[in-house]
């Protein structure tokens, strides 16, 4: 396996013409960007095999992670998906039309509604997450469990500041 990648070549070229600058951020974030492209491709492929789009996975996975009976209020879905209320309503409508979710009355609030995962929705999201994890394991295959733990901890530390917003 080569020891240098395209980012090394880019940084070396920049350092040759701008030795006065610190290119450490470019070393890290250019690689993150390139890896994000591979991850996005793996996500699209995994979700396509399950017959869903990325936005559908986001909603269906929030419901699946809620545990049985795999239902949440639209407000809870909104908070987890970080989209506008109009966008969430549209997404729920489209998922309901496809038979992947259904709306139910909230037994704890007579006026409230819950969005519930259907059996078909569960099948699709379970297939998608299985395929995605296989693809992600392939992407990270050259790293040891210790490497993964260290990288995860560093990325967590970096991302915490962005999650506050």
Protein backbone atom coordinates (compact mmCIF):
# COMPACT_ATOMS: atom_id res chain seq x y z
CA UNK A 1 0.00 0.00 0.00
CA UNK A 2 1.42 3.42 -0.89
CA UNK A 3 2.48 5.64 1.97
CA UNK A 4 1.37 8.87 0.30
CA UNK A 5 -2.03 9.83 -1.05
CA UNK A 6 -3.37 12.60 -3.27
CA UNK A 7 -3.73 14.93 -0.28
CA UNK A 8 0.00 14.53 0.45
CA UNK A 9 0.78 15.51 -3.15
CA UNK A 10 -1.52 18.55 -2.96
CA UNK A 11 -0.09 19.70 0.37
CA UNK A 12 3.49 19.19 -0.84
CA UNK A 13 2.75 21.33 -3.89
CA UNK A 14 1.20 24.06 -1.74
CA UNK A 15 4.10 24.01 0.69
CA UNK A 16 6.50 24.45 -2.21
CA UNK A 17 4.76 27.66 -3.30
CA UNK A 18 3.56 28.89 0.12
CA UNK A 19 6.05 27.69 2.76
CA UNK A 20 4.80 30.47 5.06
CA UNK A 21 1.45 28.68 5.68
CA UNK A 22 0.55 25.80 8.00
CA UNK A 23 -1.22 23.13 5.98
CA UNK A 24 -2.16 20.87 8.94
CA UNK A 25 -5.90 21.65 8.55
CA UNK A 26 -5.75 20.73 4.87
CA UNK A 27 -4.06 17.44 5.75
CA UNK A 28 -7.01 16.48 7.95
CA UNK A 29 -10.08 18.06 6.41
CA UNK A 30 -9.26 17.25 2.79
CA UNK A 31 -9.10 13.60 3.78
CA UNK A 32 -12.38 13.90 5.70
CA UNK A 33 -14.00 15.40 2.60
CA UNK A 34 -12.67 12.63 0.35
CA UNK A 35 -13.81 9.96 2.79
CA UNK A 36 -17.24 11.61 3.00
CA UNK A 37 -17.61 11.15 -0.75
CA UNK A 38 -16.91 7.42 -0.40
CA UNK A 39 -19.34 7.19 2.51
CA UNK A 40 -22.07 9.00 0.59
CA UNK A 41 -21.63 6.58 -2.32
CA UNK A 42 -21.85 3.62 0.08
CA UNK A 43 -24.99 5.09 1.68
CA UNK A 44 -26.72 5.66 -1.66
CA UNK A 45 -25.90 2.12 -2.80
CA UNK A 46 -26.99 0.53 0.49
CA UNK A 47 -30.25 2.45 0.58
CA UNK A 48 -30.98 1.82 -3.11
CA UNK A 49 -30.69 -1.94 -2.53
CA UNK A 50 -33.29 -1.56 0.23
CA UNK A 51 -35.51 0.52 -2.06
CA UNK A 52 -35.30 3.75 -0.09
CA UNK A 53 -33.68 7.18 -0.38
CA UNK A 54 -31.32 8.74 2.14
CA UNK A 55 -34.01 11.02 3.60
CA UNK A 56 -36.33 8.03 3.95
CA UNK A 57 -33.65 6.14 5.84
CA UNK A 58 -33.25 9.08 8.22
CA UNK A 59 -36.94 9.05 9.16
CA UNK A 60 -37.34 5.26 9.19
CA UNK A 61 -34.19 4.74 11.25
CA UNK A 62 -35.35 7.28 13.86
CA UNK A 63 -38.54 5.25 14.24
CA UNK A 64 -36.66 1.93 14.36
CA UNK A 65 -34.23 3.21 16.99
CA UNK A 66 -37.17 4.25 19.17
CA UNK A 67 -37.70 0.56 19.97
CA UNK A 68 -41.00 -1.25 19.98
CA UNK A 69 -43.55 -0.20 18.93
CA UNK A 70 -41.30 1.93 16.66
CA UNK A 71 -43.33 5.11 16.83
CA UNK A 72 -42.62 8.76 17.54
CA UNK A 73 -44.48 12.02 17.45
CA UNK A 74 -43.90 14.24 14.41
CA UNK A 75 -42.22 16.70 16.81
CA UNK A 76 -39.73 14.04 17.94
CA UNK A 77 -39.03 13.11 14.31
CA UNK A 78 -38.53 16.77 13.54
CA UNK A 79 -35.96 17.13 16.32
CA UNK A 80 -34.02 14.07 15.18
CA UNK A 81 -34.01 14.93 11.49
CA UNK A 82 -33.36 18.67 11.80
CA UNK A 83 -35.65 19.74 8.98
CA UNK A 84 -38.50 22.24 8.89
CA UNK A 85 -41.95 21.17 10.04
CA UNK A 86 -43.27 21.50 6.48
CA UNK A 87 -40.50 19.26 5.17
CA UNK A 88 -41.20 16.68 7.88
CA UNK A 89 -44.93 16.69 7.14
CA UNK A 90 -44.17 16.14 3.47
CA UNK A 91 -41.77 13.31 4.28
CA UNK A 92 -44.27 11.58 6.54
CA UNK A 93 -46.96 11.94 3.85
CA UNK A 94 -44.70 10.39 1.22
CA UNK A 95 -43.62 7.54 3.49
CA UNK A 96 -47.24 6.87 4.38
CA UNK A 97 -48.19 6.76 0.68
CA UNK A 98 -45.47 4.15 0.15
CA UNK A 99 -46.76 2.07 3.06
CA UNK A 100 -43.58 2.48 5.11
CA UNK A 101 -45.19 4.40 8.00
CA UNK A 102 -48.67 5.02 9.30
CA UNK A 103 -50.21 7.70 11.44
CA UNK A 104 -51.94 6.63 14.65
CA UNK A 105 -53.79 8.47 17.36
CA UNK A 106 -51.65 9.07 20.42
CA UNK A 107 -53.31 7.12 23.26
CA UNK A 108 -51.71 9.52 25.75
CA UNK A 109 -53.05 12.61 23.99
CA UNK A 110 -56.39 12.41 22.22
CA UNK A 111 -55.45 15.22 19.86
CA UNK A 112 -51.93 13.98 19.20
CA UNK A 113 -50.62 11.80 16.41
CA UNK A 114 -47.85 9.24 16.37
CA UNK A 115 -45.96 8.08 13.31
CA UNK A 116 -45.39 4.34 13.37
CA UNK A 117 -43.15 2.11 11.31
CA UNK A 118 -45.05 -0.50 9.28
CA UNK A 119 -43.78 -4.05 8.77
CA UNK A 120 -42.59 -3.04 5.28
CA UNK A 121 -40.85 0.03 6.68
CA UNK A 122 -39.09 -2.13 9.26
CA UNK A 123 -37.96 -4.59 6.60
CA UNK A 124 -36.57 -1.81 4.42
CA UNK A 125 -34.72 0.04 7.20
CA UNK A 126 -33.29 -3.20 8.63
CA UNK A 127 -31.96 -4.18 5.19
CA UNK A 128 -30.54 -0.69 4.67
CA UNK A 129 -28.69 -0.58 8.00
CA UNK A 130 -27.26 -4.09 7.48
CA UNK A 131 -25.98 -3.20 4.02
CA UNK A 132 -24.66 0.16 5.24
CA UNK A 133 -22.70 -1.40 8.09
CA UNK A 134 -21.18 -3.94 5.69
CA UNK A 135 -20.15 -1.11 3.36
CA UNK A 136 -18.77 0.99 6.22
CA UNK A 137 -16.79 -1.98 7.52
CA UNK A 138 -15.30 -2.32 4.04
CA UNK A 139 -14.36 1.38 4.03
CA UNK A 140 -12.66 1.04 7.43
CA UNK A 141 -11.22 -2.41 6.80
CA UNK A 142 -7.57 -1.33 6.97
CA UNK A 143 -7.95 0.00 10.53
CA UNK A 144 -7.54 -2.08 13.67
CA UNK A 145 -10.13 -1.99 16.47
CA UNK A 146 -7.72 0.26 18.41
CA UNK A 147 -7.37 2.57 15.41
CA UNK A 148 -11.16 2.75 15.12
CA UNK A 149 -11.54 3.60 18.81
CA UNK A 150 -8.88 6.32 18.60
CA UNK A 151 -10.27 7.80 15.39
CA UNK A 152 -13.81 7.72 16.77
CA UNK A 153 -12.70 9.52 19.93
CA UNK A 154 -10.85 12.21 17.97
CA UNK A 155 -13.76 12.80 15.61
CA UNK A 156 -16.19 12.92 18.55
CA UNK A 157 -14.05 15.56 20.22
CA UNK A 158 -13.98 17.60 17.03
CA UNK A 159 -17.70 17.26 16.30
CA UNK A 160 -19.01 18.08 19.80
CA UNK A 161 -18.54 21.81 19.17
CA UNK A 162 -20.71 21.58 16.05
CA UNK A 163 -23.48 19.61 17.78
CA UNK A 164 -24.10 22.44 20.26
CA UNK A 165 -25.73 24.60 17.59
